Amino acid sequence: MKDTPLTEKHIALGAKMAEFAGYNMPISYTSITDEHHNIRNGVGVFDVSHMGEFIVQGKDATKFLQSATSNDVSKLAPGEVQYACMPNKKGGIVDDLLVYRLDDVADMVVAGEQSYMLVVNASNETKDWRWLKRLSRGFDVKMRNISSKTGLIAVQGPKAADALQKLTDIDLKSIKYYNFRRGRFAGCNNVIVSATGYTGSGGFEIYAKNRDIAKIWDKVFKNGIKWGIKPTGLGARDTLRLEMGYCLYGNDIDDKTSPIEAGLGWITKLNKAEDFPSKERFRKQKAEGVKRQLVGFILDERRVPRHGYEIESRRGAKIGVVTSGTHSPTLDKPVGMGYVKTKFAVPGTRIMIVAGGKKLEAVVTKVPFVTPGV
C-alpha cells in the first residue's frame, strides 16, 4: 500500500485510515456527517495526491487528444479545464478525466507545440498510461507521467477563496469555474490553482511538487483557522459527490458503460471532425436511444442502498442495479444512483430496491439531489 506525501499528517491528526486505490488514505477525522456539512457551509481540505497526472505535449498534442477523448479539446484556451472521458473500442469508458490546457506555462511548452495535463483516477493510472501510449502511435507527441512527483489537495466550500487569498497574489475570486492559474502559492513557486472540485460547493484544487505539498497543507490550515477550516476524508468526498450526482469510476461508470447511458452525452462531442473510439456506436445510441439509463433516486425508508443491489419495478420485474448509495447528510435521507431500463428512468417513477429479503420503495429523481447554498 502506497503513502501520499501527506500520510503522516493524517495519522498525526487521528484520521481513520484505510486502503483506497492502492493508497493509505484518510476516510474521516471526526465524522463523515460533520465533515460533509463543513464543506457545504464552510471550508475543508482533502488530500487527493493519489490522483494521476500526465503531461502530453507536441505538435500533434491537440490532434492526439481529440482522437483519444470524447470532448472537444480544440475548444480549450490556455488556462481552461475540460471534463471528458476516454472511450474504449467496445462502447465503454477507459476512464473519466480532466484535461488542462497548459500552453502558456513556460517550463512545460516548446514553441510551436501544444501542452496539456491530464488528471486521471488513481485506480486507473497504469491502465490509462498504457492505453494512451498505444493510441499515441503515429502522433508527434511526448508524454510524461508526473503522478509520483505531484501532490494535490482540494480546498472546497463556499469560504475557500477567503481562507486561501492571503497565501497568494493570484486573485482567487477572479478564476472562473473550470479555469486555472499558475503562480506562487504559500511561498512555493509553479503551483497550479484550479477552480475545480468534486463536491459542488466551489473551491480550488492545488497542484504542487511533492516536496512542497506538506508546506502548503500546513499554511492552508494556519491561514484558514478564522474560517473554521477542517481536514476532510474520502467518506465525505463520496457523500458530497453523490448528492451532486457525479459519477464515480468503478461504480457508476466503467469499461462496460456507455457515456450516453451514463448521462454524459454532454461531454461526448459527436460532431467534431476527429474520430475517437466508439464514436459511431455512440452516434447510433444517441439517434436510436439506449436500453438503460443512469438515474438518481431517493428512498422513502432509512436503509441505505448499496452498490450491486438489484432494482425492480413495483410489479417485481428486474429492471436494473444500484451503482452508488449513501445517506445524504443534507437531505437526511438515503439517496442513490443506478441503471434502469429506459422506460423506468422518468423522474417520479416508483421503483423497488432489493436489499436482501426486504424491498425498499424509492422514487426516480433528477440529479443533483441538492443545490448547495440553497
Protein backbone atom coordinates (compact mmCIF):
# COMPACT_ATOMS: atom_id res chain seq x y z
CA MET A 1 0.00 0.00 0.00
CA LYS A 2 1.37 3.39 -1.01
CA ASP A 3 1.52 6.59 1.03
CA THR A 4 0.89 10.12 -0.22
CA PRO A 5 3.23 12.97 0.78
CA LEU A 6 0.65 13.83 3.47
CA THR A 7 0.00 10.42 5.03
CA GLU A 8 1.92 11.25 8.19
CA LYS A 9 -0.15 14.42 8.60
CA HIS A 10 -3.36 12.41 8.53
CA ILE A 11 -2.12 9.87 11.06
CA ALA A 12 -0.96 12.67 13.39
CA LEU A 13 -4.44 14.23 13.16
CA GLY A 14 -6.01 10.94 14.23
CA ALA A 15 -7.68 10.14 10.93
CA LYS A 16 -9.36 6.82 10.38
CA MET A 17 -7.20 5.35 7.62
CA ALA A 18 -7.98 2.70 5.02
CA GLU A 19 -6.79 1.44 1.65
CA PHE A 20 -8.20 3.24 -1.38
CA ALA A 21 -6.92 2.74 -4.94
CA GLY A 22 -3.77 1.22 -3.51
CA TYR A 23 -3.07 4.14 -1.15
CA ASN A 24 -3.30 4.57 2.62
CA MET A 25 -5.96 7.30 2.72
CA PRO A 26 -7.96 9.15 5.40
CA ILE A 27 -11.63 8.13 5.46
CA SER A 28 -12.65 10.54 8.22
CA TYR A 29 -11.20 12.60 11.07
CA THR A 30 -14.29 13.34 13.19
CA SER A 31 -17.34 12.02 11.37
CA ILE A 32 -18.42 11.88 7.74
CA THR A 33 -21.54 13.91 8.52
CA ASP A 34 -19.63 16.66 10.33
CA GLU A 35 -17.04 16.91 7.58
CA HIS A 36 -19.76 16.89 4.90
CA HIS A 37 -21.66 19.80 6.47
CA ASN A 38 -18.43 21.73 6.97
CA ILE A 39 -17.72 21.58 3.22
CA ARG A 40 -21.28 22.56 2.28
CA ASN A 41 -21.27 25.55 4.66
CA GLY A 42 -17.64 26.50 5.25
CA VAL A 43 -14.33 25.13 4.04
CA GLY A 44 -12.47 21.84 4.28
CA VAL A 45 -9.42 20.18 2.77
CA PHE A 46 -8.98 16.80 1.07
CA ASP A 47 -5.71 15.07 0.27
CA VAL A 48 -6.14 13.80 -3.27
CA SER A 49 -2.46 13.29 -4.05
CA HIS A 50 -3.27 9.75 -5.13
CA MET A 51 -4.72 11.04 -8.42
CA GLY A 52 -2.68 10.52 -11.60
CA GLU A 53 -1.24 13.33 -13.72
CA PHE A 54 0.15 13.03 -17.25
CA ILE A 55 1.76 15.71 -19.41
CA VAL A 56 1.04 15.46 -23.14
CA GLN A 57 2.83 17.88 -25.45
CA GLY A 58 3.99 18.20 -29.01
CA LYS A 59 2.92 19.44 -32.43
CA ASP A 60 0.11 16.85 -32.54
CA ALA A 61 -0.97 17.10 -28.89
CA THR A 62 -4.39 18.58 -29.65
CA LYS A 63 -4.98 16.24 -32.58
CA PHE A 64 -3.98 13.25 -30.46
CA LEU A 65 -6.28 14.14 -27.55
CA GLN A 66 -9.12 14.79 -29.98
CA SER A 67 -8.74 11.16 -31.08
CA ALA A 68 -8.44 9.82 -27.53
CA THR A 69 -11.10 11.72 -25.59
CA SER A 70 -14.82 12.26 -26.08
CA ASN A 71 -14.95 16.00 -25.54
CA ASP A 72 -13.72 18.72 -27.93
CA VAL A 73 -10.21 19.60 -26.75
CA SER A 74 -9.82 22.15 -29.55
CA LYS A 75 -12.24 24.43 -27.70
CA LEU A 76 -9.84 24.82 -24.76
CA ALA A 77 -7.86 28.05 -24.41
CA PRO A 78 -4.72 28.17 -22.23
CA GLY A 79 -5.80 28.27 -18.61
CA GLU A 80 -9.02 26.33 -19.18
CA VAL A 81 -10.04 22.87 -17.95
CA GLN A 82 -12.38 20.34 -19.52
CA TYR A 83 -14.16 17.26 -18.18
CA ALA A 84 -14.02 14.33 -20.61
CA CYS A 85 -13.86 10.57 -20.84
CA MET A 86 -11.66 8.17 -22.77
CA PRO A 87 -13.94 5.69 -24.54
CA ASN A 88 -12.73 2.20 -25.36
CA LYS A 89 -13.40 0.38 -28.62
CA LYS A 90 -16.35 -1.60 -27.26
CA GLY A 91 -18.57 1.31 -26.26
CA GLY A 92 -17.35 1.56 -22.66
CA ILE A 93 -15.20 4.01 -20.75
CA VAL A 94 -11.50 3.55 -20.02
CA ASP A 95 -11.65 6.44 -17.53
CA ASP A 96 -13.10 9.87 -16.93
CA LEU A 97 -10.59 12.70 -16.56
CA LEU A 98 -9.82 16.41 -16.52
CA VAL A 99 -7.88 18.00 -19.39
CA TYR A 100 -5.83 21.14 -18.61
CA ARG A 101 -4.55 23.36 -21.48
CA LEU A 102 -1.05 24.40 -20.40
CA ASP A 103 0.32 26.25 -23.44
CA ASP A 104 1.26 29.39 -21.51
CA VAL A 105 3.21 27.52 -18.84
CA ALA A 106 6.81 28.44 -19.61
CA ASP A 107 8.66 25.33 -18.48
CA MET A 108 6.10 22.91 -19.91
CA VAL A 109 5.94 24.05 -23.54
CA VAL A 110 8.17 24.43 -26.59
CA ALA A 111 7.43 26.97 -29.34
CA GLY A 112 5.00 25.54 -31.89
CA GLU A 113 3.77 22.82 -29.57
CA GLN A 114 0.62 22.37 -27.55
CA SER A 115 0.82 21.20 -23.96
CA TYR A 116 -1.78 19.58 -21.72
CA MET A 117 -2.06 17.99 -18.29
CA LEU A 118 -4.45 15.06 -17.90
CA VAL A 119 -5.74 14.24 -14.42
CA VAL A 120 -6.93 10.63 -14.14
CA ASN A 121 -8.31 8.36 -11.43
CA ALA A 122 -5.72 6.81 -9.14
CA SER A 123 -7.02 3.27 -9.62
CA ASN A 124 -6.66 3.65 -13.40
CA GLU A 125 -3.27 5.34 -13.62
CA THR A 126 -1.33 2.38 -15.06
CA LYS A 127 -4.18 1.28 -17.32
CA ASP A 128 -4.71 4.83 -18.64
CA TRP A 129 -1.00 5.35 -19.30
CA ARG A 130 -0.75 2.16 -21.35
CA TRP A 131 -3.94 2.98 -23.25
CA LEU A 132 -2.76 6.46 -24.17
CA LYS A 133 0.70 5.23 -25.16
CA ARG A 134 -0.91 2.78 -27.59
CA LEU A 135 -3.20 5.44 -29.05
CA SER A 136 -0.33 7.92 -29.41
CA ARG A 137 1.47 5.85 -32.04
CA GLY A 138 1.77 7.87 -35.24
CA PHE A 139 1.30 11.24 -33.50
CA ASP A 140 4.12 13.74 -32.87
CA VAL A 141 3.66 13.87 -29.10
CA LYS A 142 5.69 13.35 -25.98
CA MET A 143 4.15 12.04 -22.78
CA ARG A 144 5.36 12.21 -19.18
CA ASN A 145 3.80 10.55 -16.17
CA ILE A 146 4.33 13.03 -13.31
CA SER A 147 1.95 11.32 -10.88
CA SER A 148 4.64 10.21 -8.43
CA LYS A 149 6.11 13.73 -8.32
CA THR A 150 2.86 15.65 -7.89
CA GLY A 151 0.91 16.44 -4.74
CA LEU A 152 -2.70 17.59 -4.83
CA ILE A 153 -5.06 18.99 -2.23
CA ALA A 154 -8.67 20.09 -2.76
CA VAL A 155 -9.80 23.06 -0.66
CA GLN A 156 -13.58 23.01 -1.03
CA GLY A 157 -16.52 25.01 0.25
CA PRO A 158 -18.03 28.49 -0.04
CA LYS A 159 -15.37 30.03 2.21
CA ALA A 160 -12.41 28.56 0.29
CA ALA A 161 -11.38 31.75 -1.54
CA ASP A 162 -11.41 33.81 1.67
CA ALA A 163 -9.44 31.16 3.54
CA LEU A 164 -6.72 30.99 0.85
CA GLN A 165 -6.40 34.51 -0.55
CA LYS A 166 -3.62 35.73 1.77
CA LEU A 167 -1.43 32.84 0.62
CA THR A 168 -1.13 34.05 -2.97
CA ASP A 169 -1.08 37.13 -5.18
CA ILE A 170 -3.41 35.34 -7.61
CA ASP A 171 -6.89 36.88 -7.38
CA LEU A 172 -8.72 33.68 -6.50
CA LYS A 173 -12.23 35.03 -6.90
CA SER A 174 -11.40 36.07 -10.48
CA ILE A 175 -10.70 32.46 -11.52
CA LYS A 176 -13.76 31.25 -13.38
CA TYR A 177 -15.18 27.77 -12.86
CA TYR A 178 -13.10 25.19 -14.72
CA ASN A 179 -10.24 27.64 -15.21
CA PHE A 180 -6.84 27.72 -13.51
CA ARG A 181 -3.88 29.98 -12.83
CA ARG A 182 -0.27 29.12 -12.17
CA GLY A 183 1.96 31.09 -9.81
CA ARG A 184 3.28 31.45 -6.30
CA PHE A 185 1.20 29.98 -3.50
CA ALA A 186 2.07 29.59 0.20
CA GLY A 187 5.67 30.54 -0.59
CA CYS A 188 6.03 27.88 -3.29
CA ASN A 189 6.58 28.53 -6.99
CA ASN A 190 4.91 26.95 -10.04
CA VAL A 191 1.74 25.96 -8.21
CA ILE A 192 -1.44 25.35 -10.23
CA VAL A 193 -4.59 26.69 -8.57
CA SER A 194 -7.66 25.31 -10.32
CA ALA A 195 -11.31 26.27 -9.75
CA THR A 196 -12.42 22.66 -9.92
CA GLY A 197 -13.52 20.01 -7.44
CA TYR A 198 -15.76 17.02 -6.78
CA THR A 199 -18.18 18.47 -4.22
CA GLY A 200 -20.41 21.02 -5.96
CA SER A 201 -19.67 23.56 -3.22
CA GLY A 202 -16.97 25.52 -5.02
CA GLY A 203 -13.32 25.85 -4.08
CA PHE A 204 -9.96 25.02 -5.56
CA GLU A 205 -7.64 22.14 -6.35
CA ILE A 206 -3.97 22.91 -5.74
CA TYR A 207 -1.24 21.05 -7.64
CA ALA A 208 2.36 21.28 -6.43
CA LYS A 209 5.54 19.27 -6.30
CA ASN A 210 5.62 16.56 -3.67
CA ARG A 211 8.33 18.38 -1.73
CA ASP A 212 6.09 21.45 -1.42
CA ILE A 213 2.68 19.98 -0.70
CA ALA A 214 3.19 19.41 3.07
CA LYS A 215 4.30 23.04 3.47
CA ILE A 216 1.24 24.17 1.54
CA TRP A 217 -1.02 21.94 3.66
CA ASP A 218 0.33 23.48 6.89
CA LYS A 219 -0.04 27.06 5.67
CA VAL A 220 -3.55 26.45 4.36
CA PHE A 221 -4.65 25.24 7.79
CA LYS A 222 -2.86 28.00 9.66
CA ASN A 223 -4.41 30.69 7.49
CA GLY A 224 -7.83 29.03 7.46
CA ILE A 225 -8.38 28.92 11.23
CA LYS A 226 -10.51 32.07 11.07
CA TRP A 227 -12.87 30.36 8.64
CA GLY A 228 -13.16 27.10 10.58
CA ILE A 229 -11.16 25.05 8.11
CA LYS A 230 -11.08 21.30 8.77
CA PRO A 231 -9.37 18.26 7.25
CA THR A 232 -11.85 16.09 5.37
CA GLY A 233 -11.70 12.40 4.47
CA LEU A 234 -12.79 10.37 1.48
CA GLY A 235 -16.00 9.36 3.23
CA ALA A 236 -17.39 12.89 2.98
CA ARG A 237 -15.97 13.24 -0.51
CA ASP A 238 -18.23 10.36 -1.55
CA THR A 239 -21.37 11.73 0.12
CA LEU A 240 -20.72 15.19 -1.35
CA ARG A 241 -20.21 13.92 -4.91
CA LEU A 242 -23.23 11.63 -4.71
CA GLU A 243 -25.51 14.45 -3.58
CA MET A 244 -24.44 16.21 -6.79
CA GLY A 245 -24.97 13.13 -8.95
CA TYR A 246 -21.32 12.98 -10.01
CA CYS A 247 -20.18 9.64 -11.39
CA LEU A 248 -17.53 7.58 -9.63
CA TYR A 249 -15.42 5.39 -11.89
CA GLY A 250 -15.74 1.73 -10.93
CA ASN A 251 -19.23 2.29 -9.54
CA ASP A 252 -21.36 4.40 -11.88
CA ILE A 253 -19.17 4.18 -14.99
CA ASP A 254 -16.67 1.57 -16.13
CA ASP A 255 -15.34 -0.20 -19.21
CA LYS A 256 -18.79 -1.64 -19.96
CA THR A 257 -20.91 1.51 -19.55
CA SER A 258 -21.55 3.99 -22.35
CA PRO A 259 -21.30 7.73 -21.68
CA ILE A 260 -24.68 8.06 -23.38
CA GLU A 261 -26.22 5.62 -20.88
CA ALA A 262 -24.48 7.44 -18.03
CA GLY A 263 -25.92 10.85 -18.91
CA LEU A 264 -22.55 12.04 -20.19
CA GLY A 265 -23.71 12.86 -23.69
CA TRP A 266 -22.77 16.48 -22.96
CA ILE A 267 -19.07 15.52 -22.92
CA THR A 268 -19.41 13.25 -25.96
CA LYS A 269 -18.95 15.53 -28.99
CA LEU A 270 -20.11 13.51 -31.97
CA ASN A 271 -19.86 16.43 -34.40
CA LYS A 272 -16.13 17.06 -34.04
CA ALA A 273 -14.16 16.09 -37.14
CA GLU A 274 -11.79 13.67 -35.47
CA ASP A 275 -12.72 10.05 -34.89
CA PHE A 276 -12.36 8.58 -31.41
CA PRO A 277 -13.03 5.05 -30.13
CA SER A 278 -16.70 4.01 -30.37
CA LYS A 279 -17.76 7.34 -31.89
CA GLU A 280 -20.10 5.67 -34.41
CA ARG A 281 -21.55 3.41 -31.73
CA PHE A 282 -22.34 6.45 -29.58
CA ARG A 283 -23.80 8.27 -32.57
CA LYS A 284 -26.18 5.34 -33.09
CA GLN A 285 -27.11 5.26 -29.40
CA LYS A 286 -27.89 8.96 -29.42
CA ALA A 287 -30.05 8.62 -32.55
CA GLU A 288 -31.89 5.43 -31.58
CA GLY A 289 -31.86 5.72 -27.82
CA VAL A 290 -30.36 3.39 -25.22
CA LYS A 291 -31.91 0.44 -23.41
CA ARG A 292 -30.87 1.61 -19.96
CA GLN A 293 -30.05 4.90 -18.27
CA LEU A 294 -28.27 6.03 -15.12
CA VAL A 295 -30.76 7.67 -12.75
CA GLY A 296 -30.87 9.14 -9.31
CA PHE A 297 -33.38 8.00 -6.71
CA ILE A 298 -34.46 8.85 -3.16
CA LEU A 299 -35.64 6.20 -0.73
CA ASP A 300 -38.69 6.50 1.48
CA GLU A 301 -37.11 4.38 4.22
CA ARG A 302 -33.92 4.89 6.25
CA ARG A 303 -31.91 1.94 4.95
CA VAL A 304 -29.04 2.90 2.64
CA PRO A 305 -28.93 1.35 -0.87
CA ARG A 306 -25.65 -0.39 -1.67
CA HIS A 307 -23.67 -0.97 -4.85
CA GLY A 308 -24.91 -4.13 -6.53
CA TYR A 309 -28.43 -4.20 -5.08
CA GLU A 310 -30.99 -5.18 -7.70
CA ILE A 311 -33.69 -2.73 -8.76
CA GLU A 312 -37.20 -3.98 -9.52
CA SER A 313 -40.41 -2.48 -10.82
CA ARG A 314 -43.33 -2.26 -8.41
CA ARG A 315 -44.64 -5.42 -10.08
CA GLY A 316 -41.48 -7.33 -9.21
CA ALA A 317 -39.72 -7.37 -12.60
CA LYS A 318 -35.94 -6.93 -12.53
CA ILE A 319 -35.17 -3.59 -14.21
CA GLY A 320 -31.67 -2.61 -13.11
CA VAL A 321 -28.95 -2.36 -10.49
CA VAL A 322 -27.74 0.14 -7.89
CA THR A 323 -24.30 1.62 -8.62
CA SER A 324 -23.90 4.06 -5.69
CA GLY A 325 -25.79 4.76 -2.50
CA THR A 326 -25.41 6.72 0.73
CA HIS A 327 -27.27 8.59 3.42
CA SER A 328 -27.44 12.21 2.29
CA PRO A 329 -26.44 14.42 5.25
CA THR A 330 -28.08 17.44 3.60
CA LEU A 331 -31.45 15.77 2.95
CA ASP A 332 -31.21 13.38 5.91
CA LYS A 333 -32.45 10.65 3.56
CA PRO A 334 -30.90 7.73 1.70
CA VAL A 335 -30.11 8.51 -1.95
CA GLY A 336 -28.55 6.52 -4.74
CA MET A 337 -27.85 6.10 -8.42
CA GLY A 338 -28.27 3.12 -10.67
CA TYR A 339 -29.01 1.89 -14.17
CA VAL A 340 -32.62 1.09 -15.02
CA LYS A 341 -34.45 0.18 -18.21
CA THR A 342 -35.16 3.40 -20.07
CA LYS A 343 -38.93 3.37 -19.61
CA PHE A 344 -38.38 3.47 -15.83
CA ALA A 345 -35.97 6.44 -15.99
CA VAL A 346 -38.66 9.13 -15.93
CA PRO A 347 -38.48 11.32 -12.78
CA GLY A 348 -41.30 10.45 -10.43
CA THR A 349 -41.31 6.75 -11.33
CA ARG A 350 -41.63 4.47 -8.32
CA ILE A 351 -39.07 1.64 -8.13
CA MET A 352 -38.06 -1.00 -5.59
CA ILE A 353 -34.54 -1.54 -4.23
CA VAL A 354 -33.94 -5.17 -3.26
CA ALA A 355 -31.94 -5.24 -0.01
CA GLY A 356 -31.59 -8.87 0.95
CA GLY A 357 -35.02 -10.15 1.86
CA LYS A 358 -36.52 -6.67 2.00
CA LYS A 359 -37.71 -4.39 -0.80
CA LEU A 360 -37.31 -0.66 -0.29
CA GLU A 361 -39.51 1.77 -2.19
CA ALA A 362 -37.79 4.68 -3.95
CA VAL A 363 -38.63 7.38 -6.45
CA VAL A 364 -36.55 8.27 -9.52
CA THR A 365 -35.30 11.85 -9.13
CA LYS A 366 -33.36 14.34 -11.20
CA VAL A 367 -29.80 15.00 -10.05
CA PRO A 368 -28.28 16.88 -8.37
CA PHE A 369 -30.22 15.85 -5.30
CA VAL A 370 -29.31 19.14 -3.56
CA THR A 371 -28.39 22.67 -4.58
CA PRO A 372 -25.56 23.84 -2.30
CA GLY A 373 -26.22 27.14 -0.59
CA VAL A 374 -29.99 26.95 -1.05
